[in-house]
Amino acid sequence: MSMRRRLLLAGVMAPMATAMPGLARAGAQVEEPLADSVRGALSAAIANSAPPRPAFDTIDARLAYLRWLGAMSTRLQRRKAEHITRVEFLETLWYESKRAGLEPALVLGLVQVESGFRKYAISSAGARGYMQVMPFWTRLIGDGDPASLFHMQTNLRFGCVILRHYLEVERGDMFMALGRYNGSRGRAPYPNAVFGARKAWLHPDG
């Protein structure tokens, strides 16, 4: 193919690529053997699908949460215009992050890098949804239905539980855990991208 033809083809394909909002460019988790005890623990962590209803010990804790929710809603408005959808997403992400012992700002940064906050994003490797979870996880620790990964809470639940699992495997090293989550363990671009995106979502009450 001539250089002129390649340039013409690139000019045609570029608008098409930007018109495909469901496609994600992130990597994907690599399927690895799981010990029965680990599989059982992860399955149990996934199983409880109760709606995200946070509980607070004090009024101050609840007020801090509401301040966080308001601030994050304002920051996310450009990406999710509908107020109810945006708040529901943030409430669920906060709940699932805290449930897994993760920082909400980090999880927001990961979602930004992985899917650009697109619920139905699909990567070239087949990873799905907000947190780009690979379908094999539904077989390993879920109900075997990959379509469930397009359900908001299910996707966030899987993503947070998987990242927590990788963090434990890597003995608390978030850099390595993020690399493992992305399928690029030991390489800097992906963890650095998530850490960079995290900065936009930091909040004193988060």
N, C-alpha and C. Protein backbone atom coordinates (compact mmCIF):
# COMPACT_ATOMS: atom_id res chain seq x y z
N MET A 1 0.86 -1.20 0.00
CA MET A 1 0.00 0.00 0.00
C MET A 1 0.89 1.24 0.00
N SER A 2 0.58 2.21 -0.89
CA SER A 2 1.38 3.42 -0.99
C SER A 2 1.20 4.30 0.24
N MET A 3 2.17 5.19 0.49
CA MET A 3 2.08 6.11 1.63
C MET A 3 0.85 7.01 1.48
N ARG A 4 0.59 7.47 0.25
CA ARG A 4 -0.57 8.35 0.04
C ARG A 4 -1.87 7.64 0.40
N ARG A 5 -1.96 6.36 0.01
CA ARG A 5 -3.17 5.59 0.31
C ARG A 5 -3.32 5.37 1.81
N ARG A 6 -2.19 5.12 2.48
CA ARG A 6 -2.23 4.92 3.93
C ARG A 6 -2.72 6.18 4.64
N LEU A 7 -2.22 7.34 4.19
CA LEU A 7 -2.64 8.59 4.81
C LEU A 7 -4.12 8.86 4.58
N LEU A 8 -4.59 8.54 3.36
CA LEU A 8 -6.02 8.72 3.06
C LEU A 8 -6.87 7.81 3.94
N LEU A 9 -6.42 6.55 4.10
CA LEU A 9 -7.16 5.59 4.91
C LEU A 9 -7.17 6.02 6.37
N ALA A 10 -6.04 6.53 6.85
CA ALA A 10 -5.98 7.01 8.24
C ALA A 10 -6.94 8.16 8.45
N GLY A 11 -7.05 9.02 7.44
CA GLY A 11 -7.98 10.14 7.55
C GLY A 11 -9.42 9.71 7.59
N VAL A 12 -9.73 8.62 6.92
CA VAL A 12 -11.10 8.09 6.95
C VAL A 12 -11.38 7.38 8.26
N MET A 13 -10.40 6.63 8.76
CA MET A 13 -10.62 5.79 9.95
C MET A 13 -10.63 6.60 11.23
N ALA A 14 -9.90 7.71 11.29
CA ALA A 14 -9.82 8.47 12.54
C ALA A 14 -11.18 8.93 13.04
N PRO A 15 -12.04 9.53 12.19
CA PRO A 15 -13.37 9.90 12.69
C PRO A 15 -14.19 8.70 13.10
N MET A 16 -14.00 7.58 12.41
CA MET A 16 -14.76 6.38 12.77
C MET A 16 -14.37 5.90 14.16
N ALA A 17 -13.08 5.98 14.47
CA ALA A 17 -12.62 5.53 15.79
C ALA A 17 -13.21 6.38 16.89
N THR A 18 -13.27 7.70 16.67
CA THR A 18 -13.81 8.57 17.70
C THR A 18 -15.32 8.43 17.81
N ALA A 19 -15.94 7.86 16.78
CA ALA A 19 -17.39 7.66 16.81
C ALA A 19 -17.78 6.35 17.46
N MET A 20 -16.82 5.62 18.02
CA MET A 20 -17.09 4.33 18.65
C MET A 20 -16.88 4.47 20.15
N PRO A 21 -17.81 5.11 20.88
CA PRO A 21 -17.60 5.42 22.29
C PRO A 21 -17.54 4.20 23.20
N GLY A 22 -17.99 3.05 22.70
CA GLY A 22 -17.98 1.86 23.55
C GLY A 22 -16.63 1.16 23.61
N LEU A 23 -15.70 1.54 22.73
CA LEU A 23 -14.42 0.85 22.69
C LEU A 23 -13.46 1.41 23.71
N ALA A 24 -12.85 0.55 24.51
CA ALA A 24 -11.86 0.98 25.49
C ALA A 24 -10.49 0.51 25.06
N ARG A 25 -9.48 1.28 25.39
CA ARG A 25 -8.13 0.95 24.95
C ARG A 25 -7.29 0.34 26.06
N ALA A 26 -7.85 0.18 27.22
CA ALA A 26 -7.08 -0.34 28.35
C ALA A 26 -6.74 -1.81 28.14
N GLY A 27 -5.84 -2.32 28.96
CA GLY A 27 -5.46 -3.72 28.88
C GLY A 27 -6.47 -4.59 29.61
N ALA A 28 -6.04 -5.73 30.10
CA ALA A 28 -6.98 -6.63 30.75
C ALA A 28 -6.26 -7.54 31.72
N GLN A 29 -7.01 -7.99 32.72
CA GLN A 29 -6.44 -8.93 33.68
C GLN A 29 -6.09 -10.25 32.96
N VAL A 30 -5.08 -10.91 33.47
CA VAL A 30 -4.67 -12.20 32.93
C VAL A 30 -5.22 -13.29 33.83
N GLU A 31 -5.84 -14.30 33.22
CA GLU A 31 -6.39 -15.40 34.02
C GLU A 31 -5.25 -16.21 34.63
N GLU A 32 -5.32 -16.39 35.94
CA GLU A 32 -4.30 -17.14 36.67
C GLU A 32 -5.00 -18.18 37.55
N PRO A 33 -4.32 -19.28 37.84
CA PRO A 33 -4.92 -20.28 38.74
C PRO A 33 -5.19 -19.69 40.12
N LEU A 34 -6.32 -20.05 40.70
CA LEU A 34 -6.66 -19.59 42.05
C LEU A 34 -6.76 -20.79 42.97
N ALA A 35 -6.16 -20.66 44.16
CA ALA A 35 -6.34 -21.69 45.17
C ALA A 35 -7.81 -21.75 45.55
N ASP A 36 -8.29 -22.93 45.95
CA ASP A 36 -9.70 -23.08 46.30
C ASP A 36 -10.13 -22.10 47.38
N SER A 37 -9.25 -21.87 48.35
CA SER A 37 -9.59 -20.95 49.44
C SER A 37 -9.73 -19.52 48.92
N VAL A 38 -8.86 -19.14 47.99
CA VAL A 38 -8.94 -17.80 47.41
C VAL A 38 -10.18 -17.66 46.56
N ARG A 39 -10.44 -18.68 45.75
CA ARG A 39 -11.65 -18.66 44.91
C ARG A 39 -12.90 -18.54 45.78
N GLY A 40 -12.94 -19.29 46.87
CA GLY A 40 -14.09 -19.23 47.78
C GLY A 40 -14.26 -17.86 48.40
N ALA A 41 -13.14 -17.27 48.83
CA ALA A 41 -13.21 -15.95 49.46
C ALA A 41 -13.66 -14.90 48.47
N LEU A 42 -13.15 -14.97 47.24
CA LEU A 42 -13.55 -14.00 46.23
C LEU A 42 -15.01 -14.18 45.83
N SER A 43 -15.43 -15.42 45.72
CA SER A 43 -16.84 -15.70 45.39
C SER A 43 -17.77 -15.14 46.46
N ALA A 44 -17.38 -15.32 47.72
CA ALA A 44 -18.18 -14.79 48.83
C ALA A 44 -18.21 -13.26 48.79
N ALA A 45 -17.09 -12.66 48.43
CA ALA A 45 -17.03 -11.19 48.38
C ALA A 45 -17.91 -10.64 47.27
N ILE A 46 -18.07 -11.41 46.20
CA ILE A 46 -18.89 -10.99 45.07
C ILE A 46 -20.38 -11.23 45.33
N ALA A 47 -20.68 -12.28 46.10
CA ALA A 47 -22.04 -12.83 46.16
C ALA A 47 -23.10 -11.87 46.70
N ASN A 48 -22.79 -11.11 47.73
CA ASN A 48 -23.79 -10.26 48.35
C ASN A 48 -24.08 -9.04 47.47
N SER A 49 -25.23 -9.05 46.81
CA SER A 49 -25.55 -7.99 45.86
C SER A 49 -26.53 -6.97 46.44
N ALA A 50 -26.53 -6.84 47.76
CA ALA A 50 -27.43 -5.86 48.39
C ALA A 50 -27.14 -4.47 47.84
N PRO A 51 -28.17 -3.64 47.71
CA PRO A 51 -27.94 -2.29 47.19
C PRO A 51 -27.01 -1.49 48.09
N PRO A 52 -26.28 -0.54 47.49
CA PRO A 52 -25.28 0.21 48.26
C PRO A 52 -25.91 1.22 49.20
N ARG A 53 -26.07 0.82 50.46
CA ARG A 53 -26.63 1.73 51.46
C ARG A 53 -25.59 1.93 52.56
N PRO A 54 -24.83 3.02 52.48
CA PRO A 54 -23.78 3.24 53.48
C PRO A 54 -24.36 3.52 54.85
N ALA A 55 -23.65 3.05 55.85
CA ALA A 55 -24.04 3.31 57.25
C ALA A 55 -22.94 4.15 57.90
N PHE A 56 -23.34 5.09 58.73
CA PHE A 56 -22.38 5.99 59.36
C PHE A 56 -22.55 5.96 60.87
N ASP A 57 -21.42 5.98 61.57
CA ASP A 57 -21.44 5.94 63.03
C ASP A 57 -21.82 7.28 63.64
N THR A 58 -21.51 8.36 62.91
CA THR A 58 -21.76 9.70 63.45
C THR A 58 -22.37 10.59 62.37
N ILE A 59 -23.00 11.67 62.84
CA ILE A 59 -23.53 12.68 61.92
C ILE A 59 -22.40 13.31 61.11
N ASP A 60 -21.26 13.54 61.76
CA ASP A 60 -20.12 14.16 61.07
C ASP A 60 -19.65 13.29 59.90
N ALA A 61 -19.65 11.98 60.11
CA ALA A 61 -19.23 11.06 59.04
C ALA A 61 -20.21 11.14 57.86
N ARG A 62 -21.49 11.20 58.16
CA ARG A 62 -22.48 11.31 57.09
C ARG A 62 -22.35 12.64 56.35
N LEU A 63 -22.12 13.72 57.08
CA LEU A 63 -21.95 15.03 56.45
C LEU A 63 -20.71 15.06 55.57
N ALA A 64 -19.65 14.39 56.01
CA ALA A 64 -18.43 14.32 55.20
C ALA A 64 -18.71 13.57 53.89
N TYR A 65 -19.47 12.49 54.00
CA TYR A 65 -19.84 11.72 52.81
C TYR A 65 -20.66 12.58 51.84
N LEU A 66 -21.60 13.34 52.36
CA LEU A 66 -22.45 14.18 51.52
C LEU A 66 -21.63 15.29 50.86
N ARG A 67 -20.64 15.82 51.58
CA ARG A 67 -19.76 16.83 50.97
C ARG A 67 -18.97 16.20 49.82
N TRP A 68 -18.46 15.00 50.07
CA TRP A 68 -17.72 14.28 49.02
C TRP A 68 -18.62 14.05 47.81
N LEU A 69 -19.83 13.57 48.06
CA LEU A 69 -20.76 13.25 46.98
C LEU A 69 -21.08 14.49 46.15
N GLY A 70 -21.30 15.62 46.81
CA GLY A 70 -21.58 16.85 46.10
C GLY A 70 -20.42 17.31 45.24
N ALA A 71 -19.21 17.24 45.81
CA ALA A 71 -18.02 17.68 45.08
C ALA A 71 -17.75 16.78 43.88
N MET A 72 -17.87 15.46 44.08
CA MET A 72 -17.61 14.53 42.99
C MET A 72 -18.66 14.65 41.89
N SER A 73 -19.90 14.90 42.28
CA SER A 73 -20.96 15.07 41.30
C SER A 73 -20.67 16.26 40.38
N THR A 74 -20.18 17.34 40.97
CA THR A 74 -19.83 18.52 40.18
C THR A 74 -18.69 18.20 39.21
N ARG A 75 -17.68 17.48 39.71
CA ARG A 75 -16.52 17.16 38.87
C ARG A 75 -16.88 16.19 37.74
N LEU A 76 -17.85 15.32 38.00
CA LEU A 76 -18.20 14.28 37.02
C LEU A 76 -19.27 14.75 36.02
N GLN A 77 -19.82 15.91 36.25
CA GLN A 77 -20.96 16.36 35.45
C GLN A 77 -20.67 16.40 33.95
N ARG A 78 -19.46 16.78 33.59
CA ARG A 78 -19.11 16.86 32.18
C ARG A 78 -19.15 15.49 31.51
N ARG A 79 -18.86 14.44 32.28
CA ARG A 79 -18.83 13.09 31.72
C ARG A 79 -20.15 12.36 31.85
N LYS A 80 -20.92 12.71 32.89
CA LYS A 80 -22.24 12.10 33.10
C LYS A 80 -23.22 13.23 33.37
N ALA A 81 -23.95 13.61 32.35
CA ALA A 81 -24.79 14.81 32.45
C ALA A 81 -26.03 14.61 33.30
N GLU A 82 -26.61 13.41 33.29
CA GLU A 82 -27.86 13.18 34.01
C GLU A 82 -27.60 13.06 35.50
N HIS A 83 -28.24 13.91 36.29
CA HIS A 83 -27.95 14.00 37.72
C HIS A 83 -28.19 12.68 38.45
N ILE A 84 -29.34 12.06 38.23
CA ILE A 84 -29.68 10.83 38.96
C ILE A 84 -28.69 9.72 38.64
N THR A 85 -28.37 9.56 37.37
CA THR A 85 -27.40 8.53 36.95
C THR A 85 -26.04 8.79 37.57
N ARG A 86 -25.64 10.04 37.59
CA ARG A 86 -24.33 10.42 38.13
C ARG A 86 -24.24 10.14 39.63
N VAL A 87 -25.27 10.52 40.35
CA VAL A 87 -25.27 10.31 41.80
C VAL A 87 -25.33 8.82 42.14
N GLU A 88 -26.14 8.08 41.39
CA GLU A 88 -26.22 6.64 41.63
C GLU A 88 -24.87 5.97 41.39
N PHE A 89 -24.18 6.38 40.36
CA PHE A 89 -22.85 5.84 40.07
C PHE A 89 -21.88 6.15 41.21
N LEU A 90 -21.87 7.40 41.66
CA LEU A 90 -20.94 7.81 42.72
C LEU A 90 -21.26 7.12 44.04
N GLU A 91 -22.54 7.00 44.37
CA GLU A 91 -22.92 6.31 45.60
C GLU A 91 -22.44 4.87 45.57
N THR A 92 -22.62 4.22 44.42
CA THR A 92 -22.23 2.82 44.30
C THR A 92 -20.72 2.67 44.32
N LEU A 93 -20.02 3.55 43.62
CA LEU A 93 -18.55 3.47 43.61
C LEU A 93 -17.99 3.71 45.00
N TRP A 94 -18.52 4.68 45.73
CA TRP A 94 -18.04 4.94 47.09
C TRP A 94 -18.27 3.70 47.96
N TYR A 95 -19.45 3.14 47.88
CA TYR A 95 -19.80 1.98 48.69
C TYR A 95 -18.89 0.80 48.38
N GLU A 96 -18.71 0.49 47.09
CA GLU A 96 -17.90 -0.67 46.72
C GLU A 96 -16.42 -0.44 47.02
N SER A 97 -15.95 0.79 46.84
CA SER A 97 -14.56 1.10 47.18
C SER A 97 -14.30 0.87 48.67
N LYS A 98 -15.16 1.46 49.49
CA LYS A 98 -14.99 1.33 50.94
C LYS A 98 -15.14 -0.12 51.38
N ARG A 99 -16.09 -0.80 50.79
CA ARG A 99 -16.32 -2.22 51.13
C ARG A 99 -15.07 -3.06 50.87
N ALA A 100 -14.32 -2.71 49.82
CA ALA A 100 -13.11 -3.45 49.47
C ALA A 100 -11.86 -2.86 50.12
N GLY A 101 -12.04 -1.79 50.93
CA GLY A 101 -10.88 -1.18 51.58
C GLY A 101 -10.01 -0.39 50.62
N LEU A 102 -10.63 0.22 49.61
CA LEU A 102 -9.90 0.99 48.61
C LEU A 102 -10.28 2.47 48.71
N GLU A 103 -9.42 3.32 48.24
CA GLU A 103 -9.68 4.76 48.24
C GLU A 103 -10.58 5.10 47.05
N PRO A 104 -11.72 5.77 47.27
CA PRO A 104 -12.60 6.13 46.15
C PRO A 104 -11.90 6.93 45.06
N ALA A 105 -10.98 7.83 45.43
CA ALA A 105 -10.27 8.62 44.42
C ALA A 105 -9.46 7.73 43.50
N LEU A 106 -8.85 6.69 44.05
CA LEU A 106 -8.07 5.76 43.23
C LEU A 106 -8.98 5.00 42.29
N VAL A 107 -10.11 4.54 42.79
CA VAL A 107 -11.04 3.78 41.95
C VAL A 107 -11.62 4.67 40.85
N LEU A 108 -11.92 5.93 41.19
CA LEU A 108 -12.38 6.87 40.16
C LEU A 108 -11.30 7.08 39.10
N GLY A 109 -10.06 7.19 39.53
CA GLY A 109 -8.96 7.32 38.58
C GLY A 109 -8.83 6.10 37.69
N LEU A 110 -9.01 4.92 38.26
CA LEU A 110 -8.94 3.69 37.49
C LEU A 110 -10.07 3.63 36.46
N VAL A 111 -11.29 3.99 36.88
CA VAL A 111 -12.42 3.98 35.95
C VAL A 111 -12.17 4.97 34.81
N GLN A 112 -11.63 6.12 35.15
CA GLN A 112 -11.35 7.12 34.12
C GLN A 112 -10.38 6.57 33.08
N VAL A 113 -9.31 5.92 33.54
CA VAL A 113 -8.31 5.39 32.63
C VAL A 113 -8.84 4.18 31.86
N GLU A 114 -9.55 3.30 32.56
CA GLU A 114 -9.99 2.06 31.94
C GLU A 114 -11.11 2.27 30.91
N SER A 115 -12.11 3.06 31.26
CA SER A 115 -13.30 3.12 30.40
C SER A 115 -13.77 4.53 30.07
N GLY A 116 -13.14 5.54 30.67
CA GLY A 116 -13.62 6.89 30.46
C GLY A 116 -15.04 7.09 30.98
N PHE A 117 -15.40 6.32 32.04
CA PHE A 117 -16.72 6.39 32.68
C PHE A 117 -17.85 5.93 31.74
N ARG A 118 -17.52 5.01 30.85
CA ARG A 118 -18.53 4.48 29.93
C ARG A 118 -18.99 3.11 30.42
N LYS A 119 -20.24 3.00 30.70
CA LYS A 119 -20.82 1.78 31.27
C LYS A 119 -20.66 0.58 30.34
N TYR A 120 -20.79 0.80 29.04
CA TYR A 120 -20.78 -0.31 28.09
C TYR A 120 -19.48 -0.40 27.30
N ALA A 121 -18.41 0.15 27.84
CA ALA A 121 -17.12 0.09 27.16
C ALA A 121 -16.64 -1.36 27.05
N ILE A 122 -16.03 -1.67 25.90
CA ILE A 122 -15.45 -3.00 25.68
C ILE A 122 -14.06 -2.79 25.09
N SER A 123 -13.07 -3.44 25.68
CA SER A 123 -11.70 -3.31 25.16
C SER A 123 -11.48 -4.31 24.04
N SER A 124 -10.37 -4.15 23.34
CA SER A 124 -10.04 -5.09 22.26
C SER A 124 -9.82 -6.50 22.80
N ALA A 125 -9.48 -6.61 24.10
CA ALA A 125 -9.29 -7.92 24.72
C ALA A 125 -10.59 -8.51 25.25
N GLY A 126 -11.69 -7.72 25.19
CA GLY A 126 -12.97 -8.21 25.66
C GLY A 126 -13.34 -7.80 27.06
N ALA A 127 -12.49 -6.99 27.73
CA ALA A 127 -12.83 -6.51 29.06
C ALA A 127 -14.04 -5.59 28.98
N ARG A 128 -14.86 -5.59 30.04
CA ARG A 128 -16.17 -4.94 29.95
C ARG A 128 -16.45 -3.95 31.06
N GLY A 129 -17.21 -2.92 30.69
CA GLY A 129 -17.79 -2.03 31.67
C GLY A 129 -16.86 -0.99 32.25
N TYR A 130 -17.36 -0.33 33.29
CA TYR A 130 -16.65 0.77 33.91
C TYR A 130 -15.22 0.41 34.30
N MET A 131 -15.04 -0.75 34.95
CA MET A 131 -13.73 -1.13 35.46
C MET A 131 -13.04 -2.16 34.58
N GLN A 132 -13.59 -2.37 33.37
CA GLN A 132 -12.97 -3.24 32.38
C GLN A 132 -12.60 -4.61 32.97
N VAL A 133 -13.61 -5.31 33.42
CA VAL A 133 -13.43 -6.64 34.01
C VAL A 133 -13.48 -7.69 32.90
N MET A 134 -12.53 -8.60 32.92
CA MET A 134 -12.51 -9.66 31.92
C MET A 134 -13.61 -10.68 32.21
N PRO A 135 -14.28 -11.18 31.16
CA PRO A 135 -15.39 -12.13 31.35
C PRO A 135 -15.03 -13.40 32.11
N PHE A 136 -13.75 -13.84 32.05
CA PHE A 136 -13.41 -15.09 32.74
C PHE A 136 -13.67 -15.01 34.24
N TRP A 137 -13.69 -13.79 34.80
CA TRP A 137 -13.95 -13.67 36.24
C TRP A 137 -15.37 -14.13 36.60
N THR A 138 -16.31 -13.96 35.69
CA THR A 138 -17.67 -14.42 36.01
C THR A 138 -17.72 -15.94 36.10
N ARG A 139 -16.84 -16.60 35.36
CA ARG A 139 -16.76 -18.06 35.43
C ARG A 139 -16.03 -18.50 36.69
N LEU A 140 -14.98 -17.78 37.06
CA LEU A 140 -14.18 -18.17 38.21
C LEU A 140 -14.88 -17.94 39.54
N ILE A 141 -15.53 -16.78 39.67
CA ILE A 141 -16.07 -16.42 40.99
C ILE A 141 -17.51 -15.89 40.94
N GLY A 142 -18.11 -15.85 39.75
CA GLY A 142 -19.46 -15.33 39.64
C GLY A 142 -20.46 -16.38 39.18
N ASP A 143 -21.48 -15.90 38.47
CA ASP A 143 -22.54 -16.81 38.02
C ASP A 143 -22.33 -17.29 36.59
N GLY A 144 -21.20 -16.94 36.00
CA GLY A 144 -20.87 -17.40 34.66
C GLY A 144 -21.48 -16.58 33.54
N ASP A 145 -22.16 -15.48 33.86
CA ASP A 145 -22.82 -14.67 32.85
C ASP A 145 -22.02 -13.40 32.59
N PRO A 146 -21.25 -13.33 31.49
CA PRO A 146 -20.44 -12.14 31.21
C PRO A 146 -21.28 -10.88 31.02
N ALA A 147 -22.54 -11.04 30.58
CA ALA A 147 -23.39 -9.87 30.38
C ALA A 147 -23.63 -9.11 31.67
N SER A 148 -23.51 -9.79 32.81
CA SER A 148 -23.74 -9.14 34.10
C SER A 148 -22.71 -8.04 34.36
N LEU A 149 -21.58 -8.09 33.64
CA LEU A 149 -20.52 -7.09 33.85
C LEU A 149 -20.91 -5.72 33.31
N PHE A 150 -22.03 -5.64 32.59
CA PHE A 150 -22.54 -4.34 32.15
C PHE A 150 -23.51 -3.75 33.16
N HIS A 151 -23.81 -4.50 34.23
CA HIS A 151 -24.62 -3.97 35.32
C HIS A 151 -23.70 -3.15 36.22
N MET A 152 -24.10 -1.93 36.53
CA MET A 152 -23.20 -1.00 37.21
C MET A 152 -22.63 -1.56 38.52
N GLN A 153 -23.49 -1.95 39.44
CA GLN A 153 -22.97 -2.39 40.74
C GLN A 153 -22.16 -3.67 40.59
N THR A 154 -22.59 -4.57 39.72
CA THR A 154 -21.84 -5.81 39.53
C THR A 154 -20.44 -5.52 39.02
N ASN A 155 -20.34 -4.62 38.05
CA ASN A 155 -19.03 -4.29 37.49
C ASN A 155 -18.13 -3.65 38.54
N LEU A 156 -18.67 -2.70 39.28
CA LEU A 156 -17.87 -2.03 40.31
C LEU A 156 -17.51 -3.00 41.44
N ARG A 157 -18.43 -3.89 41.77
CA ARG A 157 -18.14 -4.89 42.80
C ARG A 157 -17.00 -5.80 42.36
N PHE A 158 -17.09 -6.34 41.15
CA PHE A 158 -16.04 -7.22 40.63
C PHE A 158 -14.71 -6.46 40.57
N GLY A 159 -14.73 -5.26 39.99
CA GLY A 159 -13.49 -4.51 39.83
C GLY A 159 -12.80 -4.23 41.14
N CYS A 160 -13.56 -3.80 42.14
CA CYS A 160 -12.97 -3.49 43.44
C CYS A 160 -12.45 -4.74 44.15
N VAL A 161 -13.21 -5.82 44.08
CA VAL A 161 -12.79 -7.08 44.71
C VAL A 161 -11.53 -7.62 44.03
N ILE A 162 -11.48 -7.53 42.71
CA ILE A 162 -10.30 -8.01 41.97
C ILE A 162 -9.07 -7.17 42.30
N LEU A 163 -9.23 -5.84 42.34
CA LEU A 163 -8.09 -4.99 42.68
C LEU A 163 -7.61 -5.25 44.10
N ARG A 164 -8.54 -5.44 45.03
CA ARG A 164 -8.16 -5.78 46.41
C ARG A 164 -7.39 -7.10 46.43
N HIS A 165 -7.85 -8.08 45.66
CA HIS A 165 -7.16 -9.38 45.57
C HIS A 165 -5.74 -9.19 45.07
N TYR A 166 -5.58 -8.41 44.00
CA TYR A 166 -4.24 -8.18 43.46
C TYR A 166 -3.37 -7.42 44.45
N LEU A 167 -3.96 -6.51 45.20
CA LEU A 167 -3.20 -5.75 46.20
C LEU A 167 -2.68 -6.69 47.28
N GLU A 168 -3.49 -7.67 47.66
CA GLU A 168 -3.05 -8.64 48.66
C GLU A 168 -1.97 -9.55 48.09
N VAL A 169 -2.14 -9.96 46.82
CA VAL A 169 -1.13 -10.79 46.17
C VAL A 169 0.21 -10.05 46.12
N GLU A 170 0.14 -8.75 45.88
CA GLU A 170 1.36 -7.93 45.77
C GLU A 170 1.79 -7.34 47.11
N ARG A 171 1.21 -7.82 48.20
CA ARG A 171 1.60 -7.44 49.56
C ARG A 171 1.55 -5.92 49.79
N GLY A 172 0.47 -5.32 49.31
CA GLY A 172 0.25 -3.91 49.57
C GLY A 172 0.88 -2.95 48.58
N ASP A 173 1.54 -3.46 47.58
CA ASP A 173 2.20 -2.61 46.59
C ASP A 173 1.18 -2.24 45.51
N MET A 174 0.63 -1.02 45.60
CA MET A 174 -0.43 -0.62 44.66
C MET A 174 0.10 -0.48 43.24
N PHE A 175 1.34 -0.05 43.09
CA PHE A 175 1.93 0.05 41.75
C PHE A 175 1.88 -1.30 41.04
N MET A 176 2.30 -2.34 41.73
CA MET A 176 2.32 -3.67 41.14
C MET A 176 0.90 -4.23 40.98
N ALA A 177 0.04 -3.93 41.95
CA ALA A 177 -1.35 -4.41 41.87
C ALA A 177 -2.07 -3.82 40.66
N LEU A 178 -1.85 -2.54 40.41
CA LEU A 178 -2.47 -1.90 39.25
C LEU A 178 -1.93 -2.49 37.95
N GLY A 179 -0.63 -2.76 37.92
CA GLY A 179 -0.07 -3.40 36.74
C GLY A 179 -0.67 -4.76 36.49
N ARG A 180 -0.88 -5.51 37.54
CA ARG A 180 -1.50 -6.83 37.42
C ARG A 180 -2.95 -6.69 36.96
N TYR A 181 -3.64 -5.69 37.49
CA TYR A 181 -5.04 -5.46 37.10
C TYR A 181 -5.14 -5.20 35.60
N ASN A 182 -4.18 -4.48 35.08
CA ASN A 182 -4.18 -4.08 33.67
C ASN A 182 -3.55 -5.13 32.75
N GLY A 183 -2.92 -6.14 33.34
CA GLY A 183 -2.21 -7.12 32.52
C GLY A 183 -0.86 -6.61 32.05
N SER A 184 -0.31 -5.62 32.77
CA SER A 184 0.99 -5.06 32.38
C SER A 184 1.91 -4.98 33.60
N ARG A 185 1.86 -6.00 34.43
CA ARG A 185 2.60 -5.99 35.70
C ARG A 185 4.07 -5.67 35.50
N GLY A 186 4.56 -4.71 36.31
CA GLY A 186 5.96 -4.34 36.27
C GLY A 186 6.28 -3.21 35.32
N ARG A 187 5.28 -2.81 34.50
CA ARG A 187 5.51 -1.69 33.57
C ARG A 187 4.80 -0.45 34.10
N ALA A 188 5.43 0.70 33.91
CA ALA A 188 4.98 1.92 34.58
C ALA A 188 3.81 2.67 33.94
N PRO A 189 3.61 2.63 32.63
CA PRO A 189 2.61 3.54 32.04
C PRO A 189 1.22 3.46 32.64
N TYR A 190 0.71 2.24 32.86
CA TYR A 190 -0.67 2.13 33.36
C TYR A 190 -0.79 2.59 34.82
N PRO A 191 0.01 2.08 35.75
CA PRO A 191 -0.10 2.59 37.12
C PRO A 191 0.08 4.09 37.20
N ASN A 192 1.02 4.63 36.44
CA ASN A 192 1.25 6.07 36.47
C ASN A 192 0.04 6.83 35.94
N ALA A 193 -0.63 6.27 34.94
CA ALA A 193 -1.83 6.91 34.40
C ALA A 193 -2.94 6.93 35.45
N VAL A 194 -3.12 5.84 36.18
CA VAL A 194 -4.15 5.78 37.22
C VAL A 194 -3.80 6.74 38.36
N PHE A 195 -2.55 6.73 38.80
CA PHE A 195 -2.14 7.66 39.86
C PHE A 195 -2.34 9.11 39.43
N GLY A 196 -2.06 9.38 38.16
CA GLY A 196 -2.25 10.73 37.65
C GLY A 196 -3.71 11.12 37.62
N ALA A 197 -4.57 10.20 37.16
CA ALA A 197 -6.00 10.47 37.10
C ALA A 197 -6.59 10.62 38.50
N ARG A 198 -6.05 9.88 39.46
CA ARG A 198 -6.53 9.93 40.84
C ARG A 198 -6.50 11.34 41.40
N LYS A 199 -5.52 12.13 41.01
CA LYS A 199 -5.35 13.47 41.59
C LYS A 199 -6.57 14.35 41.36
N ALA A 200 -7.27 14.13 40.24
CA ALA A 200 -8.46 14.95 39.94
C ALA A 200 -9.64 14.61 40.84
N TRP A 201 -9.56 13.48 41.54
CA TRP A 201 -10.70 13.01 42.34
C TRP A 201 -10.42 13.03 43.84
N LEU A 202 -9.28 13.56 44.22
CA LEU A 202 -8.97 13.65 45.65
C LEU A 202 -9.88 14.68 46.32
N HIS A 203 -10.27 14.37 47.56
CA HIS A 203 -11.13 15.27 48.33
C HIS A 203 -10.88 15.00 49.80
N PRO A 204 -10.83 16.03 50.63
CA PRO A 204 -10.55 15.81 52.05
C PRO A 204 -11.53 14.88 52.74
N ASP A 205 -12.75 14.80 52.23
CA ASP A 205 -13.76 13.93 52.86
C ASP A 205 -13.89 12.59 52.18
N GLY A 206 -13.00 12.30 51.22
CA GLY A 206 -13.09 11.04 50.48
C GLY A 206 -12.27 9.95 51.09
